[in-house]
Each structure stands twice: as C-alpha cells, then as structure tokens.
Amino acid sequence: MIIIALDVPSAEEARRLVSSLGETADFYKVGLELYAAAGMDFVRELKGQGKRVFLDLKLYDIGEQVKRAVATISTSGADFLTIHAVKQVMQAAVAGRGSSLELMAVTVLTSFDEQDVRDDGSAFTLAELVEKRVGHAIEAGVNGIVCSSLEVARVRAMTGPKMKLVIPGVRSAGKSAADQKRIATPAEAVANGADYLVVGRQVTRAEDPRGELLKILDEIQTLSTK
C-alpha cells in the first residue's frame, strides 16, 4: 500500500494535494513540517474525510513524556505513529498506546549511511545497528518497523509475517534520490517484503500527481503478475 507524504508547509497545500489525488490515495503521512503548521486539527480533518493517517513525529524523549504524548495522540484517530527504535522510548510508547493506534519504530533514518552512523559514535555497522534495534522493537511489542528498502528483506526474516514494514525513501527508476541515501524502487521494496511504501516528492511535486501515483501502482501491479 502507498502512503503519500504530505511534506508541505501548510494545510492549504495539503488539501490541494489530497483533492488532486482523489480516490487514488487514501493513506497520508503527516510529518513534522505539516504538523508544525496545522497540528492535530489537520489529522482529524483527514480522518473526517475517511483517510488513514501516518503521523510521522519520530518521538524520542524521556519515558513519561513519550507515554503521555502517545496516550494523547491515541485519541486523535491517527492510524500509525512513528517513534525511535530505542528500548526505553518504545516501552513507554507501548504503555501509552490506545487500542487502535499502531506504533512504527524507526530503525535508522534513510538519509543516513555508514559514515553518518560512525560519526554518531556507533560501535556497530549500519546493518548491525538496524538488526539490534529490530530485536528491541520485537521485544517491546510495537506494531511495525520503519526501515530502508535495502534492509527490508533481512528485517522481514527477523520479524516474520505479522510485523508491518514501512519503507520510506522509495523512488521509481530514473527519479532523483534527493536527500535520501538508501533507496530502491517501489517494485523492489515490495518484492523484498514491504507492506507500506512512503512516497513523497515523486508524486507531490509532479505536474500530474494522480497520474504519477497511477504509474507507481502500475509498476507494483506489473511485478505482482510476473
């Protein structure tokens, strides 16, 4: 399933995108930029239109703050919420989670590569760090994992079929990688075990957003029929 990233600075721009995509898309990501501009009111607005919402806030704070924030977010109707895959953070989020909110643990940002991980002081390689955090996420009882398309096959092998895998940084062949460093095509990500693909600029900055989304869906459909 495709999640469209509403990485825009205002609710007005987001509304235009949602309107232009119509029934072609029903799952949207609200990230930090749009959340800072429009907050939970826009999350509720999308839910009121029958859309699903992936609230991408990547929570990372002391346990009590995370627990209370997650409990509040649970009342909004948001479907997915991201948190960092740090043991204490995940445990607190699970403790605050409402019955319908699903927690997605972010392993390593797709804008990071090996050098970024080393610069951050990690004693692990990027792949080792992802695996360590996936193990902690399984133990904590979160609902899903956010990881790069390059790691999704290994993560799927670790989690089994029940864990939901969300893959950002997806680009069709020939499209710009922009600020992402660990990417793959939509078809590759799905073939490797992804459940949800987060797609942003390729669709949202296209001259014809709906047409561009249909092309991506066709790429995935073509793979599934082979």
Protein backbone atom coordinates (compact mmCIF):
# COMPACT_ATOMS: atom_id res chain seq x y z
CA MET A 1 0.00 0.00 0.00
CA ILE A 2 1.17 3.52 -0.84
CA ILE A 3 1.33 6.24 1.82
CA ILE A 4 1.55 9.73 0.32
CA ALA A 5 3.86 12.05 2.23
CA LEU A 6 2.24 15.45 2.68
CA ASP A 7 5.58 17.20 3.16
CA VAL A 8 4.24 20.70 2.58
CA PRO A 9 4.26 23.85 4.73
CA SER A 10 0.53 24.48 5.05
CA ALA A 11 -2.84 22.81 5.39
CA GLU A 12 -3.97 24.61 2.23
CA GLU A 13 -1.29 22.95 0.11
CA ALA A 14 -2.00 19.60 1.71
CA ARG A 15 -5.72 19.95 0.96
CA ARG A 16 -4.95 20.70 -2.70
CA LEU A 17 -2.82 17.56 -2.96
CA VAL A 18 -5.44 15.39 -1.31
CA SER A 19 -8.08 16.81 -3.62
CA SER A 20 -5.93 16.26 -6.73
CA LEU A 21 -5.32 12.60 -5.81
CA GLY A 22 -8.99 11.94 -5.08
CA GLU A 23 -9.86 8.30 -4.51
CA THR A 24 -6.49 7.14 -5.87
CA ALA A 25 -4.92 7.62 -2.43
CA ASP A 26 -6.44 7.02 0.98
CA PHE A 27 -3.38 6.93 3.29
CA TYR A 28 -1.37 10.07 4.05
CA LYS A 29 1.74 10.88 6.05
CA VAL A 30 1.69 13.99 8.23
CA GLY A 31 5.30 14.79 9.12
CA LEU A 32 6.99 17.44 11.21
CA GLU A 33 6.60 20.30 8.72
CA LEU A 34 2.86 19.95 8.22
CA TYR A 35 2.33 19.03 11.87
CA ALA A 36 4.09 22.27 12.91
CA ALA A 37 1.80 24.23 10.59
CA ALA A 38 -1.54 22.53 11.14
CA GLY A 39 -1.21 20.18 14.13
CA MET A 40 -3.70 17.57 15.26
CA ASP A 41 -6.57 19.52 13.73
CA PHE A 42 -5.40 18.50 10.28
CA VAL A 43 -5.02 14.88 11.36
CA ARG A 44 -8.65 14.95 12.47
CA GLU A 45 -9.63 16.67 9.23
CA LEU A 46 -8.12 13.85 7.17
CA LYS A 47 -9.79 11.26 9.37
CA GLY A 48 -13.09 13.06 8.90
CA GLN A 49 -12.69 12.55 5.14
CA GLY A 50 -12.26 8.82 5.64
CA LYS A 51 -8.49 8.88 5.11
CA ARG A 52 -5.91 6.92 7.04
CA VAL A 53 -3.13 8.91 8.72
CA PHE A 54 0.51 8.04 9.32
CA LEU A 55 1.67 10.58 11.92
CA ASP A 56 5.42 10.73 11.43
CA LEU A 57 6.73 12.51 14.52
CA LYS A 58 9.58 10.10 15.39
CA LEU A 59 9.07 10.59 19.13
CA TYR A 60 12.22 10.45 21.24
CA ASP A 61 12.09 11.79 24.81
CA ILE A 62 12.09 10.61 28.40
CA GLY A 63 9.71 7.74 29.02
CA GLU A 64 6.95 9.60 30.85
CA GLN A 65 6.74 12.29 28.17
CA VAL A 66 6.55 9.69 25.41
CA LYS A 67 3.89 7.70 27.25
CA ARG A 68 1.70 10.75 27.82
CA ALA A 69 2.14 12.08 24.28
CA VAL A 70 1.22 8.71 22.79
CA ALA A 71 -1.85 8.49 25.02
CA THR A 72 -3.00 11.90 23.75
CA ILE A 73 -2.29 11.05 20.11
CA SER A 74 -4.28 7.84 20.51
CA THR A 75 -7.44 9.92 20.93
CA SER A 76 -6.98 11.66 17.55
CA GLY A 77 -7.81 8.67 15.37
CA ALA A 78 -4.33 8.56 13.79
CA ASP A 79 -3.59 5.10 12.44
CA PHE A 80 0.23 4.94 12.61
CA LEU A 81 2.69 6.87 14.79
CA THR A 82 6.47 6.76 14.48
CA ILE A 83 8.82 6.53 17.44
CA HIS A 84 12.55 5.93 17.52
CA ALA A 85 13.54 2.29 17.98
CA VAL A 86 15.20 2.93 21.34
CA LYS A 87 14.23 0.43 24.01
CA GLN A 88 13.03 2.86 26.70
CA VAL A 89 11.16 5.00 24.17
CA MET A 90 9.36 2.02 22.67
CA GLN A 91 8.41 0.59 26.05
CA ALA A 92 6.94 3.93 27.12
CA ALA A 93 5.04 4.30 23.84
CA VAL A 94 3.54 0.82 24.16
CA ALA A 95 2.43 1.71 27.71
CA GLY A 96 0.63 4.83 26.43
CA ARG A 97 -0.81 3.34 23.25
CA GLY A 98 -4.57 3.31 22.74
CA SER A 99 -6.39 0.35 21.29
CA SER A 100 -6.36 1.46 17.65
CA LEU A 101 -3.09 3.38 17.30
CA GLU A 102 -0.25 1.36 15.77
CA LEU A 103 3.35 2.16 16.69
CA MET A 104 6.03 2.12 13.99
CA ALA A 105 9.62 2.00 15.27
CA VAL A 106 12.20 3.85 13.16
CA THR A 107 15.48 1.91 12.96
CA VAL A 108 17.99 4.16 11.11
CA LEU A 109 16.92 7.15 9.02
CA THR A 110 17.11 6.53 5.28
CA SER A 111 19.13 9.73 4.92
CA PHE A 112 21.95 8.06 6.95
CA ASP A 113 24.75 5.93 5.55
CA GLU A 114 27.69 4.10 7.14
CA GLN A 115 29.66 7.32 7.63
CA ASP A 116 26.75 9.01 9.38
CA VAL A 117 26.40 6.06 11.76
CA ARG A 118 30.13 6.19 12.56
CA ASP A 119 30.01 9.96 13.04
CA ASP A 120 27.21 9.43 15.54
CA GLY A 121 29.55 7.29 17.64
CA SER A 122 28.01 3.89 16.99
CA ALA A 123 30.16 0.84 17.64
CA PHE A 124 28.02 -1.07 15.12
CA THR A 125 27.86 -1.07 11.36
CA LEU A 126 24.66 0.32 9.89
CA ALA A 127 23.31 -3.18 9.23
CA GLU A 128 24.20 -4.34 12.77
CA LEU A 129 22.51 -1.28 14.27
CA VAL A 130 19.32 -1.93 12.29
CA GLU A 131 19.25 -5.55 13.43
CA LYS A 132 19.84 -4.61 17.06
CA ARG A 133 17.01 -2.10 17.01
CA VAL A 134 14.66 -4.51 15.24
CA GLY A 135 15.32 -7.04 18.00
CA HIS A 136 14.44 -4.45 20.64
CA ALA A 137 11.30 -3.47 18.71
CA ILE A 138 10.09 -7.07 18.65
CA GLU A 139 10.69 -7.37 22.40
CA ALA A 140 8.88 -4.09 23.10
CA GLY A 141 5.73 -5.18 21.26
CA VAL A 142 5.41 -2.41 18.68
CA ASN A 143 3.25 -2.96 15.61
CA GLY A 144 5.71 -2.23 12.86
CA ILE A 145 9.18 -1.24 11.73
CA VAL A 146 10.32 1.65 9.55
CA CYS A 147 13.48 0.72 7.67
CA SER A 148 15.27 1.24 4.39
CA SER A 149 14.34 -0.78 1.34
CA LEU A 150 17.90 -2.12 1.37
CA GLU A 151 17.32 -3.76 4.77
CA VAL A 152 13.70 -4.83 4.38
CA ALA A 153 14.42 -8.43 3.36
CA ARG A 154 16.61 -9.01 6.42
CA VAL A 155 14.12 -7.25 8.70
CA ARG A 156 11.29 -9.40 7.33
CA ALA A 157 13.32 -12.52 8.02
CA MET A 158 13.77 -11.38 11.62
CA THR A 159 10.18 -10.33 12.31
CA GLY A 160 8.16 -12.91 10.41
CA PRO A 161 4.95 -12.07 8.54
CA LYS A 162 2.95 -10.32 11.27
CA MET A 163 5.08 -7.18 11.76
CA LYS A 164 4.16 -4.32 9.41
CA LEU A 165 7.13 -2.97 7.48
CA VAL A 166 7.00 0.66 6.32
CA ILE A 167 9.58 1.74 3.74
CA PRO A 168 10.40 5.42 3.08
CA GLY A 169 12.90 6.65 0.51
CA VAL A 170 11.20 4.88 -2.40
CA ARG A 171 11.80 6.18 -5.93
CA SER A 172 10.95 4.80 -9.35
CA ALA A 173 13.92 4.07 -11.60
CA GLY A 174 15.41 7.26 -13.01
CA LYS A 175 13.93 9.55 -10.35
CA SER A 176 16.14 11.77 -8.20
CA ALA A 177 17.24 10.38 -4.82
CA ALA A 178 17.24 13.94 -3.40
CA ASP A 179 18.40 13.76 0.26
CA GLN A 180 17.92 10.00 0.60
CA LYS A 181 20.93 7.65 0.62
CA ARG A 182 19.45 4.15 0.99
CA ILE A 183 16.68 3.77 -1.58
CA ALA A 184 15.11 1.29 -4.01
CA THR A 185 12.25 1.25 -6.49
CA PRO A 186 8.68 0.56 -5.34
CA ALA A 187 8.69 -2.83 -7.07
CA GLU A 188 11.98 -3.82 -5.40
CA ALA A 189 10.74 -2.80 -1.95
CA VAL A 190 7.53 -4.81 -2.31
CA ALA A 191 9.42 -7.83 -3.66
CA ASN A 192 11.67 -7.74 -0.59
CA GLY A 193 8.78 -7.79 1.88
CA ALA A 194 7.49 -4.23 2.34
CA ASP A 195 3.87 -3.71 3.39
CA TYR A 196 3.71 0.08 3.03
CA LEU A 197 5.71 2.42 0.80
CA VAL A 198 6.03 6.10 1.70
CA VAL A 199 6.16 8.19 -1.48
CA GLY A 200 6.64 11.94 -1.43
CA ARG A 201 8.20 14.26 -3.97
CA GLN A 202 7.87 11.90 -6.93
CA VAL A 203 4.09 12.29 -6.61
CA THR A 204 3.54 15.50 -4.68
CA ARG A 205 5.81 17.64 -6.88
CA ALA A 206 4.73 16.10 -10.17
CA GLU A 207 2.79 18.15 -12.71
CA ASP A 208 0.13 15.44 -12.54
CA PRO A 209 0.24 13.90 -9.04
CA ARG A 210 -2.58 11.45 -9.69
CA GLY A 211 -1.03 10.29 -12.96
CA GLU A 212 2.35 9.79 -11.29
CA LEU A 213 0.78 7.75 -8.49
CA LEU A 214 -1.03 5.57 -11.02
CA LYS A 215 2.32 4.88 -12.72
CA ILE A 216 3.80 3.68 -9.42
CA LEU A 217 0.79 1.48 -8.71
CA ASP A 218 1.17 0.03 -12.20
CA GLU A 219 4.86 -0.72 -11.53
CA ILE A 220 3.90 -2.69 -8.44
CA GLN A 221 0.99 -4.44 -10.18
CA THR A 222 3.26 -5.45 -13.07
CA LEU A 223 5.68 -7.05 -10.61
CA SER A 224 2.93 -8.96 -8.80
CA THR A 225 1.64 -10.51 -12.05
CA LYS A 226 5.03 -11.82 -13.18
